[in-house]
Amino acid sequence: MTKTIALVEDEPDQRENCADALRGHGYRVEAYGDRTAALAGIERSLPDLTILDVILGDEINGGFDLCRELLARSPDHPVIFLTTRVDEISQVSGLTLGAWDYLAKPVSLRVLAEKVATLLRLAEGRAAPLEAERVVEVGELTLDDDRMQVNWQGRPLDLTLTEFRILAALVRRPGRVATYEELMESAQQGVVSRNTVNTHILHLRKKFKSLDGSFDRIGNEYALGYRWVEE
């Protein structure tokens, strides 16, 4: 079945270039020039993935606002930010909202198409039923690396793509320190700093604690990184 991509970009030439490139890879593309039109279109028919610019016309945070509105309707929806806003605060803001990736303009259209294909495969995996043999159990945690699904004490944990990648890097080697460099590499983002890693760890801890107030499995190794604390 043909996948539908929503592309929200206020610059007409860039919008058409990206749309044409994605159509050339076999996707159906719904292109929008502003937040209002995009939201109306998405409400009519939810796409399989959405690509957002952050600045949309006079709305300097229009993409962030649209991402928030979109994920309120469909929390597992794959979102990619494609923008010139590449300062660390903006990247952390976008990923914290729940975006699956954050790309800087200009980007190779071939790379963009590969990113889209990868995230669509991940989205399909998350929607597929769990198979017991694919689940890794570490104490009270179960983690399916292929399907990006995590349970803590039998209850599902809703993570962003980057949070999942960082958690997986910790869980694969319980008890051993995952250095900042390893965690930055595991995030698979264009630019990731130690502060960005710390922010994602903070959000991970909060999400675990929302299920288990006594959660203390993510340990901090000062100036080195983090580790998954064994029981």
C-alpha atoms as a PDB file:
ATOM      1  CA  MET A   1       0.000   0.000   0.000  1.00  0.00           C
ATOM      2  CA  THR A   2       1.298   3.459  -0.928  1.00  0.00           C
ATOM      3  CA  LYS A   3       2.377   5.474   2.098  1.00  0.00           C
ATOM      4  CA  THR A   4       1.192   9.076   2.495  1.00  0.00           C
ATOM      5  CA  ILE A   5       3.591  11.800   3.623  1.00  0.00           C
ATOM      6  CA  ALA A   6       2.428  15.206   4.863  1.00  0.00           C
ATOM      7  CA  LEU A   7       5.000  17.894   4.056  1.00  0.00           C
ATOM      8  CA  VAL A   8       4.633  21.270   5.784  1.00  0.00           C
ATOM      9  CA  GLU A   9       7.015  23.879   4.346  1.00  0.00           C
ATOM     10  CA  ASP A  10       6.307  27.578   3.817  1.00  0.00           C
ATOM     11  CA  GLU A  11       8.919  28.136   1.073  1.00  0.00           C
ATOM     12  CA  PRO A  12       7.281  27.136  -2.235  1.00  0.00           C
ATOM     13  CA  ASP A  13      10.396  26.002  -4.121  1.00  0.00           C
ATOM     14  CA  GLN A  14      11.676  23.883  -1.253  1.00  0.00           C
ATOM     15  CA  ARG A  15       8.204  22.447  -0.720  1.00  0.00           C
ATOM     16  CA  GLU A  16       7.874  21.386  -4.364  1.00  0.00           C
ATOM     17  CA  ASN A  17      11.432  20.030  -4.587  1.00  0.00           C
ATOM     18  CA  CYS A  18      10.953  17.842  -1.494  1.00  0.00           C
ATOM     19  CA  ALA A  19       7.480  16.761  -2.604  1.00  0.00           C
ATOM     20  CA  ASP A  20       8.695  15.802  -6.085  1.00  0.00           C
ATOM     21  CA  ALA A  21      11.646  13.852  -4.663  1.00  0.00           C
ATOM     22  CA  LEU A  22       9.411  11.876  -2.300  1.00  0.00           C
ATOM     23  CA  ARG A  23       6.878  11.184  -5.037  1.00  0.00           C
ATOM     24  CA  GLY A  24       9.761   9.879  -7.117  1.00  0.00           C
ATOM     25  CA  HIS A  25      10.338   7.285  -4.381  1.00  0.00           C
ATOM     26  CA  GLY A  26       6.752   6.097  -4.632  1.00  0.00           C
ATOM     27  CA  TYR A  27       5.120   8.071  -1.813  1.00  0.00           C
ATOM     28  CA  ARG A  28       1.875  10.011  -1.958  1.00  0.00           C
ATOM     29  CA  VAL A  29       2.655  13.542  -0.752  1.00  0.00           C
ATOM     30  CA  GLU A  30       0.241  16.102   0.682  1.00  0.00           C
ATOM     31  CA  ALA A  31       2.102  19.430   0.704  1.00  0.00           C
ATOM     32  CA  TYR A  32       1.052  22.423   2.820  1.00  0.00           C
ATOM     33  CA  GLY A  33       2.397  25.936   3.146  1.00  0.00           C
ATOM     34  CA  ASP A  34       1.130  26.864   6.608  1.00  0.00           C
ATOM     35  CA  ARG A  35       0.036  25.339   9.910  1.00  0.00           C
ATOM     36  CA  THR A  36      -3.689  25.996   9.495  1.00  0.00           C
ATOM     37  CA  ALA A  37      -3.931  24.271   6.115  1.00  0.00           C
ATOM     38  CA  ALA A  38      -1.789  21.387   7.310  1.00  0.00           C
ATOM     39  CA  LEU A  39      -3.860  20.832  10.435  1.00  0.00           C
ATOM     40  CA  ALA A  40      -7.090  20.850   8.411  1.00  0.00           C
ATOM     41  CA  GLY A  41      -5.656  18.333   5.945  1.00  0.00           C
ATOM     42  CA  ILE A  42      -4.283  16.054   8.656  1.00  0.00           C
ATOM     43  CA  GLU A  43      -7.614  16.106  10.494  1.00  0.00           C
ATOM     44  CA  ARG A  44      -9.344  14.946   7.294  1.00  0.00           C
ATOM     45  CA  SER A  45      -6.908  12.084   6.763  1.00  0.00           C
ATOM     46  CA  LEU A  46      -3.966  11.160   8.988  1.00  0.00           C
ATOM     47  CA  PRO A  47      -0.805  10.581   6.917  1.00  0.00           C
ATOM     48  CA  ASP A  48       1.697   7.815   7.624  1.00  0.00           C
ATOM     49  CA  LEU A  49       4.470  10.333   8.412  1.00  0.00           C
ATOM     50  CA  THR A  50       4.775  14.109   8.671  1.00  0.00           C
ATOM     51  CA  ILE A  51       7.721  16.365   7.775  1.00  0.00           C
ATOM     52  CA  LEU A  52       7.633  19.798   9.439  1.00  0.00           C
ATOM     53  CA  ASP A  53       9.552  23.031   9.157  1.00  0.00           C
ATOM     54  CA  VAL A  54       9.766  24.861  12.482  1.00  0.00           C
ATOM     55  CA  ILE A  55       9.228  28.392  11.128  1.00  0.00           C
ATOM     56  CA  LEU A  56       5.984  28.600   9.141  1.00  0.00           C
ATOM     57  CA  GLY A  57       5.427  32.075   7.740  1.00  0.00           C
ATOM     58  CA  ASP A  58       4.944  34.513  10.609  1.00  0.00           C
ATOM     59  CA  GLU A  59       4.749  31.675  13.141  1.00  0.00           C
ATOM     60  CA  ILE A  60       8.313  31.230  14.361  1.00  0.00           C
ATOM     61  CA  ASN A  61       7.285  28.138  16.313  1.00  0.00           C
ATOM     62  CA  GLY A  62       4.497  27.033  13.981  1.00  0.00           C
ATOM     63  CA  GLY A  63       6.057  23.611  13.396  1.00  0.00           C
ATOM     64  CA  PHE A  64       6.422  22.984  17.115  1.00  0.00           C
ATOM     65  CA  ASP A  65       2.790  23.953  17.658  1.00  0.00           C
ATOM     66  CA  LEU A  66       1.639  21.697  14.831  1.00  0.00           C
ATOM     67  CA  CYS A  67       3.726  18.802  16.156  1.00  0.00           C
ATOM     68  CA  ARG A  68       2.120  19.229  19.576  1.00  0.00           C
ATOM     69  CA  GLU A  69      -1.380  19.273  18.058  1.00  0.00           C
ATOM     70  CA  LEU A  70      -0.643  16.294  15.817  1.00  0.00           C
ATOM     71  CA  LEU A  71       0.818  14.105  18.556  1.00  0.00           C
ATOM     72  CA  ALA A  72      -2.067  14.956  20.876  1.00  0.00           C
ATOM     73  CA  ARG A  73      -4.275  13.236  18.286  1.00  0.00           C
ATOM     74  CA  SER A  74      -1.885  10.381  17.459  1.00  0.00           C
ATOM     75  CA  PRO A  75       0.945   9.970  20.016  1.00  0.00           C
ATOM     76  CA  ASP A  76       2.842   7.345  17.966  1.00  0.00           C
ATOM     77  CA  HIS A  77       2.791   9.328  14.724  1.00  0.00           C
ATOM     78  CA  PRO A  78       6.262   9.657  13.087  1.00  0.00           C
ATOM     79  CA  VAL A  79       7.356  13.294  12.776  1.00  0.00           C
ATOM     80  CA  ILE A  80      10.548  14.634  11.189  1.00  0.00           C
ATOM     81  CA  PHE A  81      11.596  18.243  11.628  1.00  0.00           C
ATOM     82  CA  LEU A  82      13.405  19.678   8.581  1.00  0.00           C
ATOM     83  CA  THR A  83      14.534  23.203   9.359  1.00  0.00           C
ATOM     84  CA  THR A  84      17.234  25.867   9.502  1.00  0.00           C
ATOM     85  CA  ARG A  85      16.589  26.141  13.260  1.00  0.00           C
ATOM     86  CA  VAL A  86      19.445  23.872  14.337  1.00  0.00           C
ATOM     87  CA  ASP A  87      20.521  25.438  17.630  1.00  0.00           C
ATOM     88  CA  GLU A  88      20.671  22.987  20.510  1.00  0.00           C
ATOM     89  CA  ILE A  89      17.644  24.416  22.328  1.00  0.00           C
ATOM     90  CA  SER A  90      15.469  24.031  19.222  1.00  0.00           C
ATOM     91  CA  GLN A  91      16.661  20.475  18.616  1.00  0.00           C
ATOM     92  CA  VAL A  92      15.981  19.470  22.207  1.00  0.00           C
ATOM     93  CA  SER A  93      12.571  21.170  22.054  1.00  0.00           C
ATOM     94  CA  GLY A  94      11.593  19.272  18.911  1.00  0.00           C
ATOM     95  CA  LEU A  95      12.756  15.905  20.188  1.00  0.00           C
ATOM     96  CA  THR A  96      11.179  16.470  23.577  1.00  0.00           C
ATOM     97  CA  LEU A  97       7.848  17.173  21.881  1.00  0.00           C
ATOM     98  CA  GLY A  98       8.084  13.666  20.433  1.00  0.00           C
ATOM     99  CA  ALA A  99       9.624  14.087  16.971  1.00  0.00           C
ATOM    100  CA  TRP A 100      11.370  10.969  15.696  1.00  0.00           C
ATOM    101  CA  ASP A 101      14.148  12.909  13.950  1.00  0.00           C
ATOM    102  CA  TYR A 102      15.472  16.460  13.560  1.00  0.00           C
ATOM    103  CA  LEU A 103      17.252  17.329  10.297  1.00  0.00           C
ATOM    104  CA  ALA A 104      19.074  20.490   9.275  1.00  0.00           C
ATOM    105  CA  LYS A 105      18.499  22.283   5.985  1.00  0.00           C
ATOM    106  CA  PRO A 106      19.830  21.934   3.401  1.00  0.00           C
ATOM    107  CA  VAL A 107      19.542  18.155   3.305  1.00  0.00           C
ATOM    108  CA  SER A 108      20.212  15.733   0.481  1.00  0.00           C
ATOM    109  CA  LEU A 109      16.834  14.697  -0.923  1.00  0.00           C
ATOM    110  CA  ARG A 110      18.164  11.158  -1.195  1.00  0.00           C
ATOM    111  CA  VAL A 111      19.074  11.191   2.502  1.00  0.00           C
ATOM    112  CA  LEU A 112      15.627  12.567   3.341  1.00  0.00           C
ATOM    113  CA  ALA A 113      13.969   9.745   1.405  1.00  0.00           C
ATOM    114  CA  GLU A 114      16.095   7.170   3.247  1.00  0.00           C
ATOM    115  CA  LYS A 115      15.182   8.723   6.602  1.00  0.00           C
ATOM    116  CA  VAL A 116      11.499   8.544   5.666  1.00  0.00           C
ATOM    117  CA  ALA A 117      11.800   4.900   4.614  1.00  0.00           C
ATOM    118  CA  THR A 118      13.607   3.985   7.850  1.00  0.00           C
ATOM    119  CA  LEU A 119      11.061   5.671  10.112  1.00  0.00           C
ATOM    120  CA  LEU A 120       8.140   4.142   8.240  1.00  0.00           C
ATOM    121  CA  ARG A 121       9.662   0.696   8.785  1.00  0.00           C
ATOM    122  CA  LEU A 122      10.066   1.472  12.482  1.00  0.00           C
ATOM    123  CA  ALA A 123       6.468   2.698  12.680  1.00  0.00           C
ATOM    124  CA  GLU A 124       5.240  -0.535  11.115  1.00  0.00           C
ATOM    125  CA  GLY A 125       7.297  -2.505  13.621  1.00  0.00           C
ATOM    126  CA  ARG A 126       5.827  -0.638  16.555  1.00  0.00           C
ATOM    127  CA  ALA A 127       2.318  -1.355  15.289  1.00  0.00           C
ATOM    128  CA  ALA A 128       2.954  -5.081  14.821  1.00  0.00           C
ATOM    129  CA  PRO A 129       2.090  -7.571  17.592  1.00  0.00           C
ATOM    130  CA  LEU A 130       4.883  -8.498  19.970  1.00  0.00           C
ATOM    131  CA  GLU A 131       6.591 -11.838  19.457  1.00  0.00           C
ATOM    132  CA  ALA A 132       7.941 -13.310  22.683  1.00  0.00           C
ATOM    133  CA  GLU A 133      11.225 -14.471  21.179  1.00  0.00           C
ATOM    134  CA  ARG A 134      12.065 -10.927  20.092  1.00  0.00           C
ATOM    135  CA  VAL A 135      11.647  -9.465  23.579  1.00  0.00           C
ATOM    136  CA  VAL A 136      14.727  -8.981  25.770  1.00  0.00           C
ATOM    137  CA  GLU A 137      14.036  -9.054  29.496  1.00  0.00           C
ATOM    138  CA  VAL A 138      16.258  -7.205  31.971  1.00  0.00           C
ATOM    139  CA  GLY A 139      14.733  -7.426  35.430  1.00  0.00           C
ATOM    140  CA  GLU A 140      11.330  -5.737  35.289  1.00  0.00           C
ATOM    141  CA  LEU A 141      12.058  -4.233  31.869  1.00  0.00           C
ATOM    142  CA  THR A 142      11.127  -5.803  28.546  1.00  0.00           C
ATOM    143  CA  LEU A 143      12.492  -4.241  25.377  1.00  0.00           C
ATOM    144  CA  ASP A 144      11.827  -5.161  21.763  1.00  0.00           C
ATOM    145  CA  ASP A 145      14.597  -3.546  19.763  1.00  0.00           C
ATOM    146  CA  ASP A 146      13.051  -4.322  16.365  1.00  0.00           C
ATOM    147  CA  ARG A 147       9.624  -2.941  17.203  1.00  0.00           C
ATOM    148  CA  MET A 148      10.756  -0.158  19.539  1.00  0.00           C
ATOM    149  CA  GLN A 149       8.420  -1.270  22.320  1.00  0.00           C
ATOM    150  CA  VAL A 150       9.256  -1.029  26.013  1.00  0.00           C
ATOM    151  CA  ASN A 151       7.365  -2.317  29.044  1.00  0.00           C
ATOM    152  CA  TRP A 152       8.198  -1.622  32.681  1.00  0.00           C
ATOM    153  CA  GLN A 153       6.584  -3.917  35.270  1.00  0.00           C
ATOM    154  CA  GLY A 154       4.254  -5.142  32.543  1.00  0.00           C
ATOM    155  CA  ARG A 155       3.068  -1.678  31.561  1.00  0.00           C
ATOM    156  CA  PRO A 156       3.945   0.084  28.274  1.00  0.00           C
ATOM    157  CA  LEU A 157       6.310   3.046  28.272  1.00  0.00           C
ATOM    158  CA  ASP A 158       5.702   5.681  25.594  1.00  0.00           C
ATOM    159  CA  LEU A 159       9.116   6.847  24.351  1.00  0.00           C
ATOM    160  CA  THR A 160      10.331   9.006  21.514  1.00  0.00           C
ATOM    161  CA  LEU A 161      12.670   7.440  18.965  1.00  0.00           C
ATOM    162  CA  THR A 162      15.744   9.075  20.511  1.00  0.00           C
ATOM    163  CA  GLU A 163      14.731   8.103  24.047  1.00  0.00           C
ATOM    164  CA  PHE A 164      14.308   4.515  22.907  1.00  0.00           C
ATOM    165  CA  ARG A 165      17.731   4.462  21.261  1.00  0.00           C
ATOM    166  CA  ILE A 166      19.438   5.824  24.371  1.00  0.00           C
ATOM    167  CA  LEU A 167      17.595   3.423  26.660  1.00  0.00           C
ATOM    168  CA  ALA A 168      18.471   0.488  24.392  1.00  0.00           C
ATOM    169  CA  ALA A 169      22.156   1.470  24.535  1.00  0.00           C
ATOM    170  CA  LEU A 170      21.995   1.307  28.348  1.00  0.00           C
ATOM    171  CA  VAL A 171      19.983  -1.911  28.568  1.00  0.00           C
ATOM    172  CA  ARG A 172      22.168  -3.840  26.134  1.00  0.00           C
ATOM    173  CA  ARG A 173      24.991  -3.641  28.671  1.00  0.00           C
ATOM    174  CA  PRO A 174      23.390  -3.600  32.130  1.00  0.00           C
ATOM    175  CA  GLY A 175      25.794  -2.647  34.893  1.00  0.00           C
ATOM    176  CA  ARG A 176      28.385  -1.205  32.520  1.00  0.00           C
ATOM    177  CA  VAL A 177      28.857   2.500  31.856  1.00  0.00           C
ATOM    178  CA  ALA A 178      27.627   3.786  28.504  1.00  0.00           C
ATOM    179  CA  THR A 179      29.807   6.821  27.846  1.00  0.00           C
ATOM    180  CA  TYR A 180      28.455  10.122  26.611  1.00  0.00           C
ATOM    181  CA  GLU A 181      30.135   9.422  23.277  1.00  0.00           C
ATOM    182  CA  GLU A 182      28.380   6.058  22.968  1.00  0.00           C
ATOM    183  CA  LEU A 183      25.028   7.559  23.896  1.00  0.00           C
ATOM    184  CA  MET A 184      25.484  10.441  21.456  1.00  0.00           C
ATOM    185  CA  GLU A 185      26.259   7.926  18.718  1.00  0.00           C
ATOM    186  CA  SER A 186      23.278   5.750  19.651  1.00  0.00           C
ATOM    187  CA  ALA A 187      20.930   8.742  19.298  1.00  0.00           C
ATOM    188  CA  GLN A 188      21.731   8.816  15.553  1.00  0.00           C
ATOM    189  CA  GLN A 189      21.035  12.526  15.278  1.00  0.00           C
ATOM    190  CA  GLY A 190      23.029  15.073  13.308  1.00  0.00           C
ATOM    191  CA  VAL A 191      24.246  17.068  16.309  1.00  0.00           C
ATOM    192  CA  VAL A 192      23.959  15.713  19.852  1.00  0.00           C
ATOM    193  CA  SER A 193      25.775  17.206  22.842  1.00  0.00           C
ATOM    194  CA  ARG A 194      26.201  16.013  26.407  1.00  0.00           C
ATOM    195  CA  ASN A 195      23.493  18.436  27.493  1.00  0.00           C
ATOM    196  CA  THR A 196      21.125  16.883  24.946  1.00  0.00           C
ATOM    197  CA  VAL A 197      21.871  13.402  26.316  1.00  0.00           C
ATOM    198  CA  ASN A 198      21.291  14.668  29.867  1.00  0.00           C
ATOM    199  CA  THR A 199      17.934  16.107  28.800  1.00  0.00           C
ATOM    200  CA  HIS A 200      16.826  12.816  27.258  1.00  0.00           C
ATOM    201  CA  ILE A 201      17.922  10.912  30.379  1.00  0.00           C
ATOM    202  CA  LEU A 202      15.915  13.361  32.514  1.00  0.00           C
ATOM    203  CA  HIS A 203      12.806  12.673  30.433  1.00  0.00           C
ATOM    204  CA  LEU A 204      13.411   8.921  30.537  1.00  0.00           C
ATOM    205  CA  ARG A 205      13.586   8.981  34.332  1.00  0.00           C
ATOM    206  CA  LYS A 206      10.386  11.025  34.527  1.00  0.00           C
ATOM    207  CA  LYS A 207       8.535   8.586  32.283  1.00  0.00           C
ATOM    208  CA  PHE A 208       9.687   5.593  34.322  1.00  0.00           C
ATOM    209  CA  LYS A 209       8.740   7.354  37.552  1.00  0.00           C
ATOM    210  CA  SER A 210       5.278   8.062  36.182  1.00  0.00           C
ATOM    211  CA  LEU A 211       4.808   4.274  36.254  1.00  0.00           C
ATOM    212  CA  ASP A 212       6.954   3.501  39.289  1.00  0.00           C
ATOM    213  CA  GLY A 213       7.715   6.224  41.807  1.00  0.00           C
ATOM    214  CA  SER A 214      10.647   4.262  43.234  1.00  0.00           C
ATOM    215  CA  PHE A 215      12.383   3.793  39.871  1.00  0.00           C
ATOM    216  CA  ASP A 216      16.168   4.161  40.192  1.00  0.00           C
ATOM    217  CA  ARG A 217      17.637   1.951  37.479  1.00  0.00           C
ATOM    218  CA  ILE A 218      19.397   4.695  35.454  1.00  0.00           C
ATOM    219  CA  GLY A 219      22.574   5.565  37.318  1.00  0.00           C
ATOM    220  CA  ASN A 220      24.809   8.565  36.646  1.00  0.00           C
ATOM    221  CA  GLU A 221      28.579   8.146  36.402  1.00  0.00           C
ATOM    222  CA  TYR A 222      29.935  11.661  36.883  1.00  0.00           C
ATOM    223  CA  ALA A 223      31.603  13.084  33.741  1.00  0.00           C
ATOM    224  CA  LEU A 224      31.546   9.646  32.073  1.00  0.00           C
ATOM    225  CA  GLY A 225      27.946   8.797  31.194  1.00  0.00           C
ATOM    226  CA  TYR A 226      25.163   6.583  32.511  1.00  0.00           C
ATOM    227  CA  ARG A 227      24.502   2.911  33.221  1.00  0.00           C
ATOM    228  CA  TRP A 228      21.541   0.617  33.718  1.00  0.00           C
ATOM    229  CA  VAL A 229      21.716  -0.461  37.367  1.00  0.00           C
ATOM    230  CA  GLU A 230      21.300  -4.198  37.815  1.00  0.00           C
ATOM    231  CA  GLU A 231      18.936  -5.492  40.492  1.00  0.00           C
END
